[in-house]
Amino acid sequence: MARDVAKRPRPMPAASMLAFALGAAAVGAVAIGALAIGRVAIGKTRIRKLEVDELTVRRLRVVEHDGPKV
């Protein structure tokens, strides 16, 4: 007579958990790096028009250029 034996689920080994955590951290770092590069790329664009309702400035320096920088 055969018996059905149920195996106990074994917990993940520590090495697998560590590898999974390192992989997740690497994916997160790549995502944050991509966001930072995107922010720098957007930051270099020129803003032609700016509208501000309320602004407090301690020190303001305005530099006017005659033409585009080469």
PDB file of N, CA and C in Angstrom:
ATOM      1  N   MET A   1       0.845  -1.167   0.000  1.00  0.00           N
ATOM      2  CA  MET A   1       0.000   0.000   0.000  1.00  0.00           C
ATOM      3  C   MET A   1       0.897   1.238   0.000  1.00  0.00           C
ATOM      4  N   ALA A   2       0.676   2.136  -0.978  1.00  0.00           N
ATOM      5  CA  ALA A   2       1.498   3.345  -1.111  1.00  0.00           C
ATOM      6  C   ALA A   2       0.923   4.465  -0.265  1.00  0.00           C
ATOM      7  N   ARG A   3       1.821   5.259   0.267  1.00  0.00           N
ATOM      8  CA  ARG A   3       1.380   6.408   1.071  1.00  0.00           C
ATOM      9  C   ARG A   3       1.807   7.689   0.375  1.00  0.00           C
ATOM     10  N   ASP A   4       0.938   8.666   0.398  1.00  0.00           N
ATOM     11  CA  ASP A   4       1.287   9.987  -0.130  1.00  0.00           C
ATOM     12  C   ASP A   4       2.013  10.752   0.964  1.00  0.00           C
ATOM     13  N   VAL A   5       3.226  11.117   0.658  1.00  0.00           N
ATOM     14  CA  VAL A   5       4.025  11.838   1.645  1.00  0.00           C
ATOM     15  C   VAL A   5       4.142  13.289   1.183  1.00  0.00           C
ATOM     16  N   ALA A   6       3.744  14.173   2.031  1.00  0.00           N
ATOM     17  CA  ALA A   6       3.847  15.600   1.700  1.00  0.00           C
ATOM     18  C   ALA A   6       5.192  16.111   2.197  1.00  0.00           C
ATOM     19  N   LYS A   7       5.911  16.762   1.310  1.00  0.00           N
ATOM     20  CA  LYS A   7       7.200  17.332   1.705  1.00  0.00           C
ATOM     21  C   LYS A   7       6.973  18.680   2.374  1.00  0.00           C
ATOM     22  N   ARG A   8       7.764  18.924   3.374  1.00  0.00           N
ATOM     23  CA  ARG A   8       7.708  20.218   4.033  1.00  0.00           C
ATOM     24  C   ARG A   8       8.380  21.258   3.138  1.00  0.00           C
ATOM     25  N   PRO A   9       7.788  22.438   3.020  1.00  0.00           N
ATOM     26  CA  PRO A   9       8.474  23.480   2.246  1.00  0.00           C
ATOM     27  C   PRO A   9       9.724  23.937   2.997  1.00  0.00           C
ATOM     28  N   ARG A  10      10.831  23.933   2.282  1.00  0.00           N
ATOM     29  CA  ARG A  10      12.083  24.352   2.914  1.00  0.00           C
ATOM     30  C   ARG A  10      12.268  25.849   2.717  1.00  0.00           C
ATOM     31  N   PRO A  11      12.799  26.525   3.716  1.00  0.00           N
ATOM     32  CA  PRO A  11      13.069  27.954   3.544  1.00  0.00           C
ATOM     33  C   PRO A  11      14.198  28.160   2.529  1.00  0.00           C
ATOM     34  N   MET A  12      14.195  29.328   1.887  1.00  0.00           N
ATOM     35  CA  MET A  12      15.245  29.623   0.913  1.00  0.00           C
ATOM     36  C   MET A  12      16.594  29.673   1.625  1.00  0.00           C
ATOM     37  N   PRO A  13      17.614  29.150   1.010  1.00  0.00           N
ATOM     38  CA  PRO A  13      18.938  29.240   1.618  1.00  0.00           C
ATOM     39  C   PRO A  13      19.392  30.699   1.708  1.00  0.00           C
ATOM     40  N   ALA A  14      20.250  30.972   2.651  1.00  0.00           N
ATOM     41  CA  ALA A  14      20.719  32.334   2.884  1.00  0.00           C
ATOM     42  C   ALA A  14      21.429  32.896   1.652  1.00  0.00           C
ATOM     43  N   ALA A  15      22.149  32.054   0.947  1.00  0.00           N
ATOM     44  CA  ALA A  15      22.876  32.531  -0.240  1.00  0.00           C
ATOM     45  C   ALA A  15      21.897  32.992  -1.320  1.00  0.00           C
ATOM     46  N   SER A  16      20.791  32.281  -1.485  1.00  0.00           N
ATOM     47  CA  SER A  16      19.785  32.680  -2.472  1.00  0.00           C
ATOM     48  C   SER A  16      19.123  33.985  -2.069  1.00  0.00           C
ATOM     49  N   MET A  17      18.840  34.138  -0.795  1.00  0.00           N
ATOM     50  CA  MET A  17      18.231  35.378  -0.315  1.00  0.00           C
ATOM     51  C   MET A  17      19.191  36.551  -0.518  1.00  0.00           C
ATOM     52  N   LEU A  18      20.457  36.333  -0.239  1.00  0.00           N
ATOM     53  CA  LEU A  18      21.456  37.387  -0.417  1.00  0.00           C
ATOM     54  C   LEU A  18      21.593  37.745  -1.887  1.00  0.00           C
ATOM     55  N   ALA A  19      21.611  36.767  -2.755  1.00  0.00           N
ATOM     56  CA  ALA A  19      21.708  37.027  -4.193  1.00  0.00           C
ATOM     57  C   ALA A  19      20.479  37.788  -4.686  1.00  0.00           C
ATOM     58  N   PHE A  20      19.316  37.418  -4.200  1.00  0.00           N
ATOM     59  CA  PHE A  20      18.078  38.107  -4.575  1.00  0.00           C
ATOM     60  C   PHE A  20      18.118  39.566  -4.101  1.00  0.00           C
ATOM     61  N   ALA A  21      18.564  39.792  -2.877  1.00  0.00           N
ATOM     62  CA  ALA A  21      18.637  41.150  -2.330  1.00  0.00           C
ATOM     63  C   ALA A  21      19.642  41.998  -3.104  1.00  0.00           C
ATOM     64  N   LEU A  22      20.782  41.412  -3.448  1.00  0.00           N
ATOM     65  CA  LEU A  22      21.781  42.153  -4.225  1.00  0.00           C
ATOM     66  C   LEU A  22      21.264  42.484  -5.622  1.00  0.00           C
ATOM     67  N   GLY A  23      20.553  41.572  -6.228  1.00  0.00           N
ATOM     68  CA  GLY A  23      19.964  41.828  -7.541  1.00  0.00           C
ATOM     69  C   GLY A  23      18.925  42.936  -7.484  1.00  0.00           C
ATOM     70  N   ALA A  24      18.093  42.914  -6.461  1.00  0.00           N
ATOM     71  CA  ALA A  24      17.079  43.961  -6.302  1.00  0.00           C
ATOM     72  C   ALA A  24      17.741  45.314  -6.067  1.00  0.00           C
ATOM     73  N   ALA A  25      18.802  45.344  -5.279  1.00  0.00           N
ATOM     74  CA  ALA A  25      19.522  46.596  -5.034  1.00  0.00           C
ATOM     75  C   ALA A  25      20.165  47.107  -6.316  1.00  0.00           C
ATOM     76  N   ALA A  26      20.697  46.217  -7.136  1.00  0.00           N
ATOM     77  CA  ALA A  26      21.317  46.626  -8.398  1.00  0.00           C
ATOM     78  C   ALA A  26      20.281  47.205  -9.351  1.00  0.00           C
ATOM     79  N   VAL A  27      19.125  46.579  -9.429  1.00  0.00           N
ATOM     80  CA  VAL A  27      18.052  47.102 -10.292  1.00  0.00           C
ATOM     81  C   VAL A  27      17.606  48.470  -9.789  1.00  0.00           C
ATOM     82  N   GLY A  28      17.491  48.631  -8.494  1.00  0.00           N
ATOM     83  CA  GLY A  28      17.122  49.926  -7.919  1.00  0.00           C
ATOM     84  C   GLY A  28      18.155  50.990  -8.217  1.00  0.00           C
ATOM     85  N   ALA A  29      19.432  50.635  -8.121  1.00  0.00           N
ATOM     86  CA  ALA A  29      20.506  51.593  -8.408  1.00  0.00           C
ATOM     87  C   ALA A  29      20.480  52.021  -9.869  1.00  0.00           C
ATOM     88  N   VAL A  30      20.221  51.087 -10.757  1.00  0.00           N
ATOM     89  CA  VAL A  30      20.132  51.426 -12.188  1.00  0.00           C
ATOM     90  C   VAL A  30      18.950  52.357 -12.431  1.00  0.00           C
ATOM     91  N   ALA A  31      17.834  52.091 -11.781  1.00  0.00           N
ATOM     92  CA  ALA A  31      16.650  52.941 -11.950  1.00  0.00           C
ATOM     93  C   ALA A  31      16.906  54.348 -11.423  1.00  0.00           C
ATOM     94  N   ILE A  32      17.542  54.454 -10.274  1.00  0.00           N
ATOM     95  CA  ILE A  32      17.847  55.772  -9.713  1.00  0.00           C
ATOM     96  C   ILE A  32      18.846  56.507 -10.602  1.00  0.00           C
ATOM     97  N   GLY A  33      19.822  55.800 -11.132  1.00  0.00           N
ATOM     98  CA  GLY A  33      20.780  56.418 -12.052  1.00  0.00           C
ATOM     99  C   GLY A  33      20.110  56.930 -13.310  1.00  0.00           C
ATOM    100  N   ALA A  34      19.171  56.163 -13.834  1.00  0.00           N
ATOM    101  CA  ALA A  34      18.445  56.603 -15.033  1.00  0.00           C
ATOM    102  C   ALA A  34      17.634  57.858 -14.734  1.00  0.00           C
ATOM    103  N   LEU A  35      17.019  57.904 -13.568  1.00  0.00           N
ATOM    104  CA  LEU A  35      16.267  59.102 -13.193  1.00  0.00           C
ATOM    105  C   LEU A  35      17.189  60.305 -13.046  1.00  0.00           C
ATOM    106  N   ALA A  36      18.365  60.101 -12.450  1.00  0.00           N
ATOM    107  CA  ALA A  36      19.303  61.203 -12.279  1.00  0.00           C
ATOM    108  C   ALA A  36      19.795  61.719 -13.629  1.00  0.00           C
ATOM    109  N   ILE A  37      20.095  60.831 -14.556  1.00  0.00           N
ATOM    110  CA  ILE A  37      20.543  61.246 -15.886  1.00  0.00           C
ATOM    111  C   ILE A  37      19.423  62.000 -16.602  1.00  0.00           C
ATOM    112  N   GLY A  38      18.209  61.530 -16.460  1.00  0.00           N
ATOM    113  CA  GLY A  38      17.079  62.230 -17.058  1.00  0.00           C
ATOM    114  C   GLY A  38      16.889  63.611 -16.475  1.00  0.00           C
ATOM    115  N   ARG A  39      17.090  63.737 -15.181  1.00  0.00           N
ATOM    116  CA  ARG A  39      16.945  65.050 -14.538  1.00  0.00           C
ATOM    117  C   ARG A  39      18.028  66.002 -15.013  1.00  0.00           C
ATOM    118  N   VAL A  40      19.246  65.531 -15.171  1.00  0.00           N
ATOM    119  CA  VAL A  40      20.326  66.384 -15.674  1.00  0.00           C
ATOM    120  C   VAL A  40      20.019  66.808 -17.109  1.00  0.00           C
ATOM    121  N   ALA A  41      19.526  65.886 -17.919  1.00  0.00           N
ATOM    122  CA  ALA A  41      19.206  66.216 -19.310  1.00  0.00           C
ATOM    123  C   ALA A  41      18.095  67.258 -19.373  1.00  0.00           C
ATOM    124  N   ILE A  42      17.096  67.120 -18.515  1.00  0.00           N
ATOM    125  CA  ILE A  42      16.000  68.090 -18.491  1.00  0.00           C
ATOM    126  C   ILE A  42      16.497  69.415 -17.923  1.00  0.00           C
ATOM    127  N   GLY A  43      17.398  69.368 -16.951  1.00  0.00           N
ATOM    128  CA  GLY A  43      17.914  70.587 -16.326  1.00  0.00           C
ATOM    129  C   GLY A  43      18.705  71.453 -17.287  1.00  0.00           C
ATOM    130  N   LYS A  44      19.249  70.885 -18.343  1.00  0.00           N
ATOM    131  CA  LYS A  44      20.051  71.656 -19.290  1.00  0.00           C
ATOM    132  C   LYS A  44      19.205  72.329 -20.357  1.00  0.00           C
ATOM    133  N   THR A  45      17.919  72.066 -20.376  1.00  0.00           N
ATOM    134  CA  THR A  45      17.060  72.719 -21.353  1.00  0.00           C
ATOM    135  C   THR A  45      16.817  74.153 -20.926  1.00  0.00           C
ATOM    136  N   ARG A  46      16.577  75.007 -21.884  1.00  0.00           N
ATOM    137  CA  ARG A  46      16.333  76.410 -21.589  1.00  0.00           C
ATOM    138  C   ARG A  46      14.861  76.627 -21.298  1.00  0.00           C
ATOM    139  N   ILE A  47      14.612  77.451 -20.329  1.00  0.00           N
ATOM    140  CA  ILE A  47      13.239  77.829 -20.010  1.00  0.00           C
ATOM    141  C   ILE A  47      13.039  79.237 -20.543  1.00  0.00           C
ATOM    142  N   ARG A  48      12.152  79.378 -21.489  1.00  0.00           N
ATOM    143  CA  ARG A  48      11.902  80.678 -22.106  1.00  0.00           C
ATOM    144  C   ARG A  48      10.978  81.552 -21.268  1.00  0.00           C
ATOM    145  N   LYS A  49      10.036  80.949 -20.587  1.00  0.00           N
ATOM    146  CA  LYS A  49       9.058  81.715 -19.831  1.00  0.00           C
ATOM    147  C   LYS A  49       8.878  81.049 -18.476  1.00  0.00           C
ATOM    148  N   LEU A  50       8.876  81.867 -17.423  1.00  0.00           N
ATOM    149  CA  LEU A  50       8.718  81.353 -16.075  1.00  0.00           C
ATOM    150  C   LEU A  50       7.717  82.228 -15.340  1.00  0.00           C
ATOM    151  N   GLU A  51       6.743  81.592 -14.724  1.00  0.00           N
ATOM    152  CA  GLU A  51       5.744  82.331 -13.967  1.00  0.00           C
ATOM    153  C   GLU A  51       5.799  81.855 -12.530  1.00  0.00           C
ATOM    154  N   VAL A  52       5.965  82.815 -11.593  1.00  0.00           N
ATOM    155  CA  VAL A  52       6.067  82.496 -10.180  1.00  0.00           C
ATOM    156  C   VAL A  52       5.085  83.366  -9.421  1.00  0.00           C
ATOM    157  N   ASP A  53       4.285  82.774  -8.549  1.00  0.00           N
ATOM    158  CA  ASP A  53       3.333  83.541  -7.750  1.00  0.00           C
ATOM    159  C   ASP A  53       4.023  84.230  -6.580  1.00  0.00           C
ATOM    160  N   GLU A  54       4.853  83.501  -5.873  1.00  0.00           N
ATOM    161  CA  GLU A  54       5.529  84.067  -4.712  1.00  0.00           C
ATOM    162  C   GLU A  54       6.944  83.501  -4.666  1.00  0.00           C
ATOM    163  N   LEU A  55       7.915  84.375  -4.447  1.00  0.00           N
ATOM    164  CA  LEU A  55       9.316  83.942  -4.468  1.00  0.00           C
ATOM    165  C   LEU A  55      10.101  84.724  -3.431  1.00  0.00           C
ATOM    166  N   THR A  56      10.858  84.032  -2.612  1.00  0.00           N
ATOM    167  CA  THR A  56      11.754  84.661  -1.650  1.00  0.00           C
ATOM    168  C   THR A  56      13.170  84.291  -2.034  1.00  0.00           C
ATOM    169  N   VAL A  57      14.011  85.330  -2.213  1.00  0.00           N
ATOM    170  CA  VAL A  57      15.391  85.112  -2.643  1.00  0.00           C
ATOM    171  C   VAL A  57      16.317  85.854  -1.701  1.00  0.00           C
ATOM    172  N   ARG A  58      17.319  85.183  -1.189  1.00  0.00           N
ATOM    173  CA  ARG A  58      18.303  85.839  -0.333  1.00  0.00           C
ATOM    174  C   ARG A  58      19.345  86.576  -1.171  1.00  0.00           C
ATOM    175  N   ARG A  59      19.817  85.928  -2.198  1.00  0.00           N
ATOM    176  CA  ARG A  59      20.826  86.543  -3.052  1.00  0.00           C
ATOM    177  C   ARG A  59      20.486  86.184  -4.494  1.00  0.00           C
ATOM    178  N   LEU A  60      20.437  87.191  -5.348  1.00  0.00           N
ATOM    179  CA  LEU A  60      20.094  86.970  -6.745  1.00  0.00           C
ATOM    180  C   LEU A  60      21.166  87.604  -7.610  1.00  0.00           C
ATOM    181  N   ARG A  61      21.687  86.836  -8.528  1.00  0.00           N
ATOM    182  CA  ARG A  61      22.697  87.346  -9.454  1.00  0.00           C
ATOM    183  C   ARG A  61      22.173  87.120 -10.865  1.00  0.00           C
ATOM    184  N   VAL A  62      22.088  88.193 -11.622  1.00  0.00           N
ATOM    185  CA  VAL A  62      21.587  88.103 -12.985  1.00  0.00           C
ATOM    186  C   VAL A  62      22.728  88.393 -13.926  1.00  0.00           C
ATOM    187  N   VAL A  63      22.961  87.491 -14.863  1.00  0.00           N
ATOM    188  CA  VAL A  63      24.007  87.639 -15.857  1.00  0.00           C
ATOM    189  C   VAL A  63      23.339  87.638 -17.212  1.00  0.00           C
ATOM    190  N   GLU A  64      23.593  88.681 -17.989  1.00  0.00           N
ATOM    191  CA  GLU A  64      23.008  88.761 -19.316  1.00  0.00           C
ATOM    192  C   GLU A  64      24.065  88.437 -20.349  1.00  0.00           C
ATOM    193  N   HIS A  65      23.692  87.643 -21.321  1.00  0.00           N
ATOM    194  CA  HIS A  65      24.582  87.274 -22.420  1.00  0.00           C
ATOM    195  C   HIS A  65      24.077  87.911 -23.707  1.00  0.00           C
ATOM    196  N   ASP A  66      25.011  88.355 -24.545  1.00  0.00           N
ATOM    197  CA  ASP A  66      24.631  88.946 -25.820  1.00  0.00           C
ATOM    198  C   ASP A  66      24.185  87.900 -26.827  1.00  0.00           C
ATOM    199  N   GLY A  67      24.814  86.770 -26.790  1.00  0.00           N
ATOM    200  CA  GLY A  67      24.486  85.732 -27.770  1.00  0.00           C
ATOM    201  C   GLY A  67      24.695  84.361 -27.174  1.00  0.00           C
ATOM    202  N   PRO A  68      24.443  83.335 -27.968  1.00  0.00           N
ATOM    203  CA  PRO A  68      24.630  81.965 -27.467  1.00  0.00           C
ATOM    204  C   PRO A  68      26.109  81.640 -27.280  1.00  0.00           C
ATOM    205  N   LYS A  69      26.366  80.822 -26.269  1.00  0.00           N
ATOM    206  CA  LYS A  69      27.735  80.364 -26.012  1.00  0.00           C
ATOM    207  C   LYS A  69      28.134  79.342 -27.068  1.00  0.00           C
ATOM    208  N   VAL A  70      29.373  79.414 -27.491  1.00  0.00           N
ATOM    209  CA  VAL A  70      29.847  78.469 -28.504  1.00  0.00           C
ATOM    210  C   VAL A  70      30.683  77.419 -27.870  1.00  0.00           C
TER     211      VAL A  70
END
